[in-house]
Amino acid sequence: MRVFNRLLGNVDDALVQFSMTRARDQAWMTAKTFSGVPEDEWPAAIRVHDDRVMGIAQFVSNPGLLLSAVTHIVRLGEVQDPASVIDILK
């Protein structure tokens, strides 16, 4: 990760922040949408929403060759030992 941070700055932090912001925004939009749906139409609306979320989940779990390679490289630089991670976080 040090190499990535040196080359790209704190891009990873910005991506995580962007993702969290988008997730919160999407959750709020979904809540607002459901608030306007009559209760008897909720099952159908939930199915539509679940299908959209499943599409995103499938992409995240199978991002393709390029993103999988990048993820693998990042994982090589991560500390794997739980005790070491705890020490770092202290």
PDB file of N, CA and C in Angstrom:
ATOM      1  N   MET A   1       0.829  -1.193   0.000  1.00  0.00           N
ATOM      2  CA  MET A   1       0.000   0.000   0.000  1.00  0.00           C
ATOM      3  C   MET A   1       0.871   1.252   0.000  1.00  0.00           C
ATOM      4  N   ARG A   2       2.058   1.173   0.610  1.00  0.00           N
ATOM      5  CA  ARG A   2       2.939   2.341   0.616  1.00  0.00           C
ATOM      6  C   ARG A   2       3.280   2.772  -0.792  1.00  0.00           C
ATOM      7  N   VAL A   3       3.542   1.780  -1.655  1.00  0.00           N
ATOM      8  CA  VAL A   3       3.877   2.095  -3.051  1.00  0.00           C
ATOM      9  C   VAL A   3       2.710   2.797  -3.723  1.00  0.00           C
ATOM     10  N   PHE A   4       1.495   2.260  -3.532  1.00  0.00           N
ATOM     11  CA  PHE A   4       0.322   2.895  -4.123  1.00  0.00           C
ATOM     12  C   PHE A   4       0.127   4.303  -3.578  1.00  0.00           C
ATOM     13  N   ASN A   5       0.286   4.467  -2.269  1.00  0.00           N
ATOM     14  CA  ASN A   5       0.118   5.792  -1.671  1.00  0.00           C
ATOM     15  C   ASN A   5       1.170   6.766  -2.186  1.00  0.00           C
ATOM     16  N   ARG A   6       2.408   6.288  -2.388  1.00  0.00           N
ATOM     17  CA  ARG A   6       3.451   7.164  -2.929  1.00  0.00           C
ATOM     18  C   ARG A   6       3.140   7.575  -4.356  1.00  0.00           C
ATOM     19  N   LEU A   7       2.661   6.613  -5.135  1.00  0.00           N
ATOM     20  CA  LEU A   7       2.377   6.899  -6.540  1.00  0.00           C
ATOM     21  C   LEU A   7       1.088   7.699  -6.736  1.00  0.00           C
ATOM     22  N   LEU A   8       0.076   7.366  -5.964  1.00  0.00           N
ATOM     23  CA  LEU A   8      -1.255   7.923  -6.191  1.00  0.00           C
ATOM     24  C   LEU A   8      -1.748   8.848  -5.081  1.00  0.00           C
ATOM     25  N   GLY A   9      -0.963   9.037  -4.055  1.00  0.00           N
ATOM     26  CA  GLY A   9      -1.448   9.798  -2.911  1.00  0.00           C
ATOM     27  C   GLY A   9      -2.416   8.929  -2.133  1.00  0.00           C
ATOM     28  N   ASN A  10      -3.326   9.519  -1.456  1.00  0.00           N
ATOM     29  CA  ASN A  10      -4.292   8.757  -0.653  1.00  0.00           C
ATOM     30  C   ASN A  10      -5.565   8.472  -1.445  1.00  0.00           C
ATOM     31  N   VAL A  11      -5.370   7.970  -2.658  1.00  0.00           N
ATOM     32  CA  VAL A  11      -6.501   7.664  -3.523  1.00  0.00           C
ATOM     33  C   VAL A  11      -7.399   6.612  -2.883  1.00  0.00           C
ATOM     34  N   ASP A  12      -6.792   5.626  -2.213  1.00  0.00           N
ATOM     35  CA  ASP A  12      -7.602   4.580  -1.595  1.00  0.00           C
ATOM     36  C   ASP A  12      -8.538   5.157  -0.540  1.00  0.00           C
ATOM     37  N   ASP A  13      -8.043   6.111   0.247  1.00  0.00           N
ATOM     38  CA  ASP A  13      -8.898   6.752   1.252  1.00  0.00           C
ATOM     39  C   ASP A  13     -10.036   7.518   0.588  1.00  0.00           C
ATOM     40  N   ALA A  14      -9.717   8.206  -0.489  1.00  0.00           N
ATOM     41  CA  ALA A  14     -10.741   8.967  -1.213  1.00  0.00           C
ATOM     42  C   ALA A  14     -11.789   8.033  -1.804  1.00  0.00           C
ATOM     43  N   LEU A  15     -11.354   6.882  -2.325  1.00  0.00           N
ATOM     44  CA  LEU A  15     -12.310   5.926  -2.887  1.00  0.00           C
ATOM     45  C   LEU A  15     -13.233   5.356  -1.821  1.00  0.00           C
ATOM     46  N   VAL A  16     -12.669   5.033  -0.667  1.00  0.00           N
ATOM     47  CA  VAL A  16     -13.497   4.508   0.421  1.00  0.00           C
ATOM     48  C   VAL A  16     -14.497   5.571   0.866  1.00  0.00           C
ATOM     49  N   GLN A  17     -14.034   6.806   1.041  1.00  0.00           N
ATOM     50  CA  GLN A  17     -14.929   7.883   1.457  1.00  0.00           C
ATOM     51  C   GLN A  17     -16.033   8.096   0.432  1.00  0.00           C
ATOM     52  N   PHE A  18     -15.656   8.092  -0.857  1.00  0.00           N
ATOM     53  CA  PHE A  18     -16.646   8.246  -1.926  1.00  0.00           C
ATOM     54  C   PHE A  18     -17.664   7.108  -1.865  1.00  0.00           C
ATOM     55  N   SER A  19     -17.179   5.878  -1.698  1.00  0.00           N
ATOM     56  CA  SER A  19     -18.072   4.720  -1.654  1.00  0.00           C
ATOM     57  C   SER A  19     -19.029   4.805  -0.474  1.00  0.00           C
ATOM     58  N   MET A  20     -18.532   5.199   0.689  1.00  0.00           N
ATOM     59  CA  MET A  20     -19.394   5.320   1.866  1.00  0.00           C
ATOM     60  C   MET A  20     -20.432   6.418   1.659  1.00  0.00           C
ATOM     61  N   THR A  21     -20.005   7.523   1.075  1.00  0.00           N
ATOM     62  CA  THR A  21     -20.939   8.620   0.813  1.00  0.00           C
ATOM     63  C   THR A  21     -22.019   8.167  -0.157  1.00  0.00           C
ATOM     64  N   ARG A  22     -21.614   7.476  -1.222  1.00  0.00           N
ATOM     65  CA  ARG A  22     -22.589   6.980  -2.201  1.00  0.00           C
ATOM     66  C   ARG A  22     -23.543   5.974  -1.548  1.00  0.00           C
ATOM     67  N   ALA A  23     -23.015   5.099  -0.704  1.00  0.00           N
ATOM     68  CA  ALA A  23     -23.865   4.099  -0.040  1.00  0.00           C
ATOM     69  C   ALA A  23     -24.893   4.775   0.854  1.00  0.00           C
ATOM     70  N   ARG A  24     -24.452   5.783   1.612  1.00  0.00           N
ATOM     71  CA  ARG A  24     -25.405   6.505   2.482  1.00  0.00           C
ATOM     72  C   ARG A  24     -26.458   7.229   1.653  1.00  0.00           C
ATOM     73  N   ASP A  25     -26.006   7.886   0.581  1.00  0.00           N
ATOM     74  CA  ASP A  25     -26.950   8.594  -0.293  1.00  0.00           C
ATOM     75  C   ASP A  25     -27.964   7.633  -0.894  1.00  0.00           C
ATOM     76  N   GLN A  26     -27.483   6.481  -1.340  1.00  0.00           N
ATOM     77  CA  GLN A  26     -28.390   5.491  -1.933  1.00  0.00           C
ATOM     78  C   GLN A  26     -29.377   4.955  -0.904  1.00  0.00           C
ATOM     79  N   ALA A  27     -28.903   4.715   0.307  1.00  0.00           N
ATOM     80  CA  ALA A  27     -29.804   4.232   1.364  1.00  0.00           C
ATOM     81  C   ALA A  27     -30.892   5.258   1.649  1.00  0.00           C
ATOM     82  N   TRP A  28     -30.520   6.533   1.686  1.00  0.00           N
ATOM     83  CA  TRP A  28     -31.507   7.589   1.941  1.00  0.00           C
ATOM     84  C   TRP A  28     -32.503   7.683   0.788  1.00  0.00           C
ATOM     85  N   MET A  29     -32.015   7.603  -0.453  1.00  0.00           N
ATOM     86  CA  MET A  29     -32.915   7.659  -1.611  1.00  0.00           C
ATOM     87  C   MET A  29     -33.879   6.473  -1.607  1.00  0.00           C
ATOM     88  N   THR A  30     -33.379   5.301  -1.224  1.00  0.00           N
ATOM     89  CA  THR A  30     -34.232   4.122  -1.165  1.00  0.00           C
ATOM     90  C   THR A  30     -35.307   4.297  -0.100  1.00  0.00           C
ATOM     91  N   ALA A  31     -34.923   4.819   1.049  1.00  0.00           N
ATOM     92  CA  ALA A  31     -35.900   5.057   2.125  1.00  0.00           C
ATOM     93  C   ALA A  31     -36.965   6.050   1.667  1.00  0.00           C
ATOM     94  N   LYS A  32     -36.533   7.125   0.998  1.00  0.00           N
ATOM     95  CA  LYS A  32     -37.506   8.115   0.506  1.00  0.00           C
ATOM     96  C   LYS A  32     -38.433   7.486  -0.538  1.00  0.00           C
ATOM     97  N   THR A  33     -37.879   6.658  -1.401  1.00  0.00           N
ATOM     98  CA  THR A  33     -38.697   5.997  -2.419  1.00  0.00           C
ATOM     99  C   THR A  33     -39.736   5.094  -1.765  1.00  0.00           C
ATOM    100  N   PHE A  34     -39.300   4.271  -0.803  1.00  0.00           N
ATOM    101  CA  PHE A  34     -40.227   3.355  -0.146  1.00  0.00           C
ATOM    102  C   PHE A  34     -41.271   4.084   0.683  1.00  0.00           C
ATOM    103  N   SER A  35     -40.941   5.267   1.164  1.00  0.00           N
ATOM    104  CA  SER A  35     -41.929   6.004   1.958  1.00  0.00           C
ATOM    105  C   SER A  35     -43.130   6.419   1.114  1.00  0.00           C
ATOM    106  N   GLY A  36     -42.925   6.523  -0.202  1.00  0.00           N
ATOM    107  CA  GLY A  36     -44.023   6.903  -1.087  1.00  0.00           C
ATOM    108  C   GLY A  36     -44.736   5.722  -1.732  1.00  0.00           C
ATOM    109  N   VAL A  37     -44.307   4.511  -1.425  1.00  0.00           N
ATOM    110  CA  VAL A  37     -44.910   3.312  -2.017  1.00  0.00           C
ATOM    111  C   VAL A  37     -45.983   2.790  -1.067  1.00  0.00           C
ATOM    112  N   PRO A  38     -47.191   2.576  -1.572  1.00  0.00           N
ATOM    113  CA  PRO A  38     -48.231   1.996  -0.717  1.00  0.00           C
ATOM    114  C   PRO A  38     -47.770   0.646  -0.164  1.00  0.00           C
ATOM    115  N   GLU A  39     -48.159   0.361   1.058  1.00  0.00           N
ATOM    116  CA  GLU A  39     -47.683  -0.830   1.751  1.00  0.00           C
ATOM    117  C   GLU A  39     -47.961  -2.116   0.979  1.00  0.00           C
ATOM    118  N   ASP A  40     -49.090  -2.170   0.287  1.00  0.00           N
ATOM    119  CA  ASP A  40     -49.411  -3.400  -0.453  1.00  0.00           C
ATOM    120  C   ASP A  40     -48.521  -3.590  -1.684  1.00  0.00           C
ATOM    121  N   GLU A  41     -47.781  -2.558  -2.090  1.00  0.00           N
ATOM    122  CA  GLU A  41     -46.867  -2.654  -3.230  1.00  0.00           C
ATOM    123  C   GLU A  41     -45.412  -2.877  -2.797  1.00  0.00           C
ATOM    124  N   TRP A  42     -45.181  -2.942  -1.498  1.00  0.00           N
ATOM    125  CA  TRP A  42     -43.815  -3.128  -1.000  1.00  0.00           C
ATOM    126  C   TRP A  42     -43.145  -4.409  -1.504  1.00  0.00           C
ATOM    127  N   PRO A  43     -43.833  -5.559  -1.494  1.00  0.00           N
ATOM    128  CA  PRO A  43     -43.140  -6.779  -1.948  1.00  0.00           C
ATOM    129  C   PRO A  43     -42.555  -6.638  -3.359  1.00  0.00           C
ATOM    130  N   ALA A  44     -43.310  -6.066  -4.282  1.00  0.00           N
ATOM    131  CA  ALA A  44     -42.808  -5.888  -5.651  1.00  0.00           C
ATOM    132  C   ALA A  44     -41.665  -4.875  -5.680  1.00  0.00           C
ATOM    133  N   ALA A  45     -41.805  -3.788  -4.929  1.00  0.00           N
ATOM    134  CA  ALA A  45     -40.755  -2.765  -4.888  1.00  0.00           C
ATOM    135  C   ALA A  45     -39.477  -3.328  -4.259  1.00  0.00           C
ATOM    136  N   ILE A  46     -39.636  -4.159  -3.249  1.00  0.00           N
ATOM    137  CA  ILE A  46     -38.475  -4.774  -2.603  1.00  0.00           C
ATOM    138  C   ILE A  46     -37.771  -5.715  -3.579  1.00  0.00           C
ATOM    139  N   ARG A  47     -38.550  -6.472  -4.358  1.00  0.00           N
ATOM    140  CA  ARG A  47     -37.936  -7.377  -5.344  1.00  0.00           C
ATOM    141  C   ARG A  47     -37.122  -6.588  -6.372  1.00  0.00           C
ATOM    142  N   VAL A  48     -37.656  -5.484  -6.856  1.00  0.00           N
ATOM    143  CA  VAL A  48     -36.936  -4.653  -7.822  1.00  0.00           C
ATOM    144  C   VAL A  48     -35.650  -4.129  -7.198  1.00  0.00           C
ATOM    145  N   HIS A  49     -35.759  -3.627  -5.992  1.00  0.00           N
ATOM    146  CA  HIS A  49     -34.576  -3.112  -5.288  1.00  0.00           C
ATOM    147  C   HIS A  49     -33.543  -4.222  -5.066  1.00  0.00           C
ATOM    148  N   ASP A  50     -34.012  -5.392  -4.620  1.00  0.00           N
ATOM    149  CA  ASP A  50     -33.112  -6.516  -4.378  1.00  0.00           C
ATOM    150  C   ASP A  50     -32.396  -6.939  -5.659  1.00  0.00           C
ATOM    151  N   ASP A  51     -33.094  -6.919  -6.791  1.00  0.00           N
ATOM    152  CA  ASP A  51     -32.469  -7.277  -8.070  1.00  0.00           C
ATOM    153  C   ASP A  51     -31.346  -6.300  -8.421  1.00  0.00           C
ATOM    154  N   ARG A  52     -31.575  -5.018  -8.168  1.00  0.00           N
ATOM    155  CA  ARG A  52     -30.532  -4.010  -8.438  1.00  0.00           C
ATOM    156  C   ARG A  52     -29.317  -4.241  -7.541  1.00  0.00           C
ATOM    157  N   VAL A  53     -29.573  -4.469  -6.276  1.00  0.00           N
ATOM    158  CA  VAL A  53     -28.483  -4.699  -5.329  1.00  0.00           C
ATOM    159  C   VAL A  53     -27.723  -5.976  -5.698  1.00  0.00           C
ATOM    160  N   MET A  54     -28.435  -7.005  -6.130  1.00  0.00           N
ATOM    161  CA  MET A  54     -27.785  -8.254  -6.521  1.00  0.00           C
ATOM    162  C   MET A  54     -26.850  -8.023  -7.712  1.00  0.00           C
ATOM    163  N   GLY A  55     -27.252  -7.187  -8.641  1.00  0.00           N
ATOM    164  CA  GLY A  55     -26.385  -6.869  -9.779  1.00  0.00           C
ATOM    165  C   GLY A  55     -25.089  -6.225  -9.329  1.00  0.00           C
ATOM    166  N   ILE A  56     -25.185  -5.312  -8.383  1.00  0.00           N
ATOM    167  CA  ILE A  56     -23.990  -4.657  -7.836  1.00  0.00           C
ATOM    168  C   ILE A  56     -23.134  -5.682  -7.097  1.00  0.00           C
ATOM    169  N   ALA A  57     -23.766  -6.523  -6.304  1.00  0.00           N
ATOM    170  CA  ALA A  57     -23.032  -7.541  -5.535  1.00  0.00           C
ATOM    171  C   ALA A  57     -22.302  -8.507  -6.461  1.00  0.00           C
ATOM    172  N   GLN A  58     -22.928  -8.874  -7.571  1.00  0.00           N
ATOM    173  CA  GLN A  58     -22.272  -9.776  -8.520  1.00  0.00           C
ATOM    174  C   GLN A  58     -21.038  -9.125  -9.123  1.00  0.00           C
ATOM    175  N   PHE A  59     -21.117  -7.827  -9.423  1.00  0.00           N
ATOM    176  CA  PHE A  59     -19.951  -7.123  -9.952  1.00  0.00           C
ATOM    177  C   PHE A  59     -18.837  -7.051  -8.908  1.00  0.00           C
ATOM    178  N   VAL A  60     -19.205  -6.762  -7.674  1.00  0.00           N
ATOM    179  CA  VAL A  60     -18.202  -6.662  -6.604  1.00  0.00           C
ATOM    180  C   VAL A  60     -17.525  -8.014  -6.383  1.00  0.00           C
ATOM    181  N   SER A  61     -18.296  -9.088  -6.406  1.00  0.00           N
ATOM    182  CA  SER A  61     -17.708 -10.406  -6.154  1.00  0.00           C
ATOM    183  C   SER A  61     -16.961 -10.952  -7.366  1.00  0.00           C
ATOM    184  N   ASN A  62     -17.270 -10.472  -8.560  1.00  0.00           N
ATOM    185  CA  ASN A  62     -16.599 -10.900  -9.790  1.00  0.00           C
ATOM    186  C   ASN A  62     -16.259  -9.669 -10.633  1.00  0.00           C
ATOM    187  N   PRO A  63     -15.260  -8.892 -10.212  1.00  0.00           N
ATOM    188  CA  PRO A  63     -15.002  -7.607 -10.867  1.00  0.00           C
ATOM    189  C   PRO A  63     -14.281  -7.690 -12.212  1.00  0.00           C
ATOM    190  N   GLY A  64     -13.871  -8.849 -12.600  1.00  0.00           N
ATOM    191  CA  GLY A  64     -13.149  -8.977 -13.858  1.00  0.00           C
ATOM    192  C   GLY A  64     -11.657  -9.110 -13.619  1.00  0.00           C
ATOM    193  N   LEU A  65     -10.942  -9.409 -14.671  1.00  0.00           N
ATOM    194  CA  LEU A  65      -9.522  -9.725 -14.581  1.00  0.00           C
ATOM    195  C   LEU A  65      -8.684  -8.559 -14.067  1.00  0.00           C
ATOM    196  N   LEU A  66      -8.878  -7.376 -14.606  1.00  0.00           N
ATOM    197  CA  LEU A  66      -8.044  -6.225 -14.230  1.00  0.00           C
ATOM    198  C   LEU A  66      -8.223  -5.861 -12.757  1.00  0.00           C
ATOM    199  N   LEU A  67      -9.458  -5.672 -12.330  1.00  0.00           N
ATOM    200  CA  LEU A  67      -9.692  -5.295 -10.932  1.00  0.00           C
ATOM    201  C   LEU A  67      -9.304  -6.418  -9.975  1.00  0.00           C
ATOM    202  N   SER A  68      -9.483  -7.657 -10.394  1.00  0.00           N
ATOM    203  CA  SER A  68      -9.055  -8.777  -9.553  1.00  0.00           C
ATOM    204  C   SER A  68      -7.542  -8.771  -9.378  1.00  0.00           C
ATOM    205  N   ALA A  69      -6.820  -8.459 -10.443  1.00  0.00           N
ATOM    206  CA  ALA A  69      -5.358  -8.401 -10.363  1.00  0.00           C
ATOM    207  C   ALA A  69      -4.917  -7.284  -9.425  1.00  0.00           C
ATOM    208  N   VAL A  70      -5.545  -6.134  -9.533  1.00  0.00           N
ATOM    209  CA  VAL A  70      -5.204  -5.004  -8.661  1.00  0.00           C
ATOM    210  C   VAL A  70      -5.488  -5.374  -7.208  1.00  0.00           C
ATOM    211  N   THR A  71      -6.633  -5.982  -6.956  1.00  0.00           N
ATOM    212  CA  THR A  71      -6.988  -6.393  -5.599  1.00  0.00           C
ATOM    213  C   THR A  71      -5.969  -7.387  -5.047  1.00  0.00           C
ATOM    214  N   HIS A  72      -5.542  -8.307  -5.892  1.00  0.00           N
ATOM    215  CA  HIS A  72      -4.545  -9.295  -5.457  1.00  0.00           C
ATOM    216  C   HIS A  72      -3.238  -8.608  -5.073  1.00  0.00           C
ATOM    217  N   ILE A  73      -2.813  -7.654  -5.870  1.00  0.00           N
ATOM    218  CA  ILE A  73      -1.578  -6.915  -5.577  1.00  0.00           C
ATOM    219  C   ILE A  73      -1.708  -6.175  -4.254  1.00  0.00           C
ATOM    220  N   VAL A  74      -2.840  -5.539  -4.032  1.00  0.00           N
ATOM    221  CA  VAL A  74      -3.067  -4.813  -2.780  1.00  0.00           C
ATOM    222  C   VAL A  74      -3.013  -5.772  -1.600  1.00  0.00           C
ATOM    223  N   ARG A  75      -3.641  -6.930  -1.739  1.00  0.00           N
ATOM    224  CA  ARG A  75      -3.655  -7.911  -0.648  1.00  0.00           C
ATOM    225  C   ARG A  75      -2.258  -8.405  -0.295  1.00  0.00           C
ATOM    226  N   LEU A  76      -1.371  -8.461  -1.298  1.00  0.00           N
ATOM    227  CA  LEU A  76       0.003  -8.890  -1.021  1.00  0.00           C
ATOM    228  C   LEU A  76       0.695  -7.956  -0.031  1.00  0.00           C
ATOM    229  N   GLY A  77       0.309  -6.677  -0.060  1.00  0.00           N
ATOM    230  CA  GLY A  77       0.929  -5.706   0.827  1.00  0.00           C
ATOM    231  C   GLY A  77       0.266  -5.564   2.177  1.00  0.00           C
ATOM    232  N   GLU A  78      -0.855  -6.252   2.384  1.00  0.00           N
ATOM    233  CA  GLU A  78      -1.576  -6.137   3.651  1.00  0.00           C
ATOM    234  C   GLU A  78      -0.948  -7.018   4.729  1.00  0.00           C
ATOM    235  N   VAL A  79      -1.013  -6.543   5.939  1.00  0.00           N
ATOM    236  CA  VAL A  79      -0.557  -7.339   7.084  1.00  0.00           C
ATOM    237  C   VAL A  79      -1.605  -8.411   7.334  1.00  0.00           C
ATOM    238  N   GLN A  80      -1.174  -9.655   7.395  1.00  0.00           N
ATOM    239  CA  GLN A  80      -2.098 -10.779   7.535  1.00  0.00           C
ATOM    240  C   GLN A  80      -2.270 -11.254   8.971  1.00  0.00           C
ATOM    241  N   ASP A  81      -1.288 -11.030   9.806  1.00  0.00           N
ATOM    242  CA  ASP A  81      -1.293 -11.536  11.172  1.00  0.00           C
ATOM    243  C   ASP A  81      -2.176 -10.659  12.070  1.00  0.00           C
ATOM    244  N   PRO A  82      -3.246 -11.219  12.666  1.00  0.00           N
ATOM    245  CA  PRO A  82      -4.145 -10.418  13.499  1.00  0.00           C
ATOM    246  C   PRO A  82      -3.436  -9.682  14.639  1.00  0.00           C
ATOM    247  N   ALA A  83      -2.475 -10.322  15.279  1.00  0.00           N
ATOM    248  CA  ALA A  83      -1.754  -9.677  16.375  1.00  0.00           C
ATOM    249  C   ALA A  83      -1.005  -8.451  15.864  1.00  0.00           C
ATOM    250  N   SER A  84      -0.408  -8.553  14.700  1.00  0.00           N
ATOM    251  CA  SER A  84       0.310  -7.421  14.109  1.00  0.00           C
ATOM    252  C   SER A  84      -0.661  -6.280  13.769  1.00  0.00           C
ATOM    253  N   VAL A  85      -1.816  -6.627  13.268  1.00  0.00           N
ATOM    254  CA  VAL A  85      -2.816  -5.602  12.947  1.00  0.00           C
ATOM    255  C   VAL A  85      -3.242  -4.871  14.208  1.00  0.00           C
ATOM    256  N   ILE A  86      -3.461  -5.607  15.291  1.00  0.00           N
ATOM    257  CA  ILE A  86      -3.851  -4.999  16.564  1.00  0.00           C
ATOM    258  C   ILE A  86      -2.750  -4.067  17.052  1.00  0.00           C
ATOM    259  N   ASP A  87      -1.484  -4.505  16.937  1.00  0.00           N
ATOM    260  CA  ASP A  87      -0.368  -3.653  17.342  1.00  0.00           C
ATOM    261  C   ASP A  87      -0.326  -2.363  16.519  1.00  0.00           C
ATOM    262  N   ILE A  88      -0.561  -2.478  15.229  1.00  0.00           N
ATOM    263  CA  ILE A  88      -0.565  -1.301  14.352  1.00  0.00           C
ATOM    264  C   ILE A  88      -1.675  -0.340  14.758  1.00  0.00           C
ATOM    265  N   LEU A  89      -2.851  -0.896  15.075  1.00  0.00           N
ATOM    266  CA  LEU A  89      -3.997  -0.053  15.424  1.00  0.00           C
ATOM    267  C   LEU A  89      -3.853   0.618  16.786  1.00  0.00           C
ATOM    268  N   LYS A  90      -3.005   0.035  17.646  1.00  0.00           N
ATOM    269  CA  LYS A  90      -2.783   0.640  18.961  1.00  0.00           C
ATOM    270  C   LYS A  90      -2.070   1.943  18.758  1.00  0.00           C
TER     271      LYS A  90
END
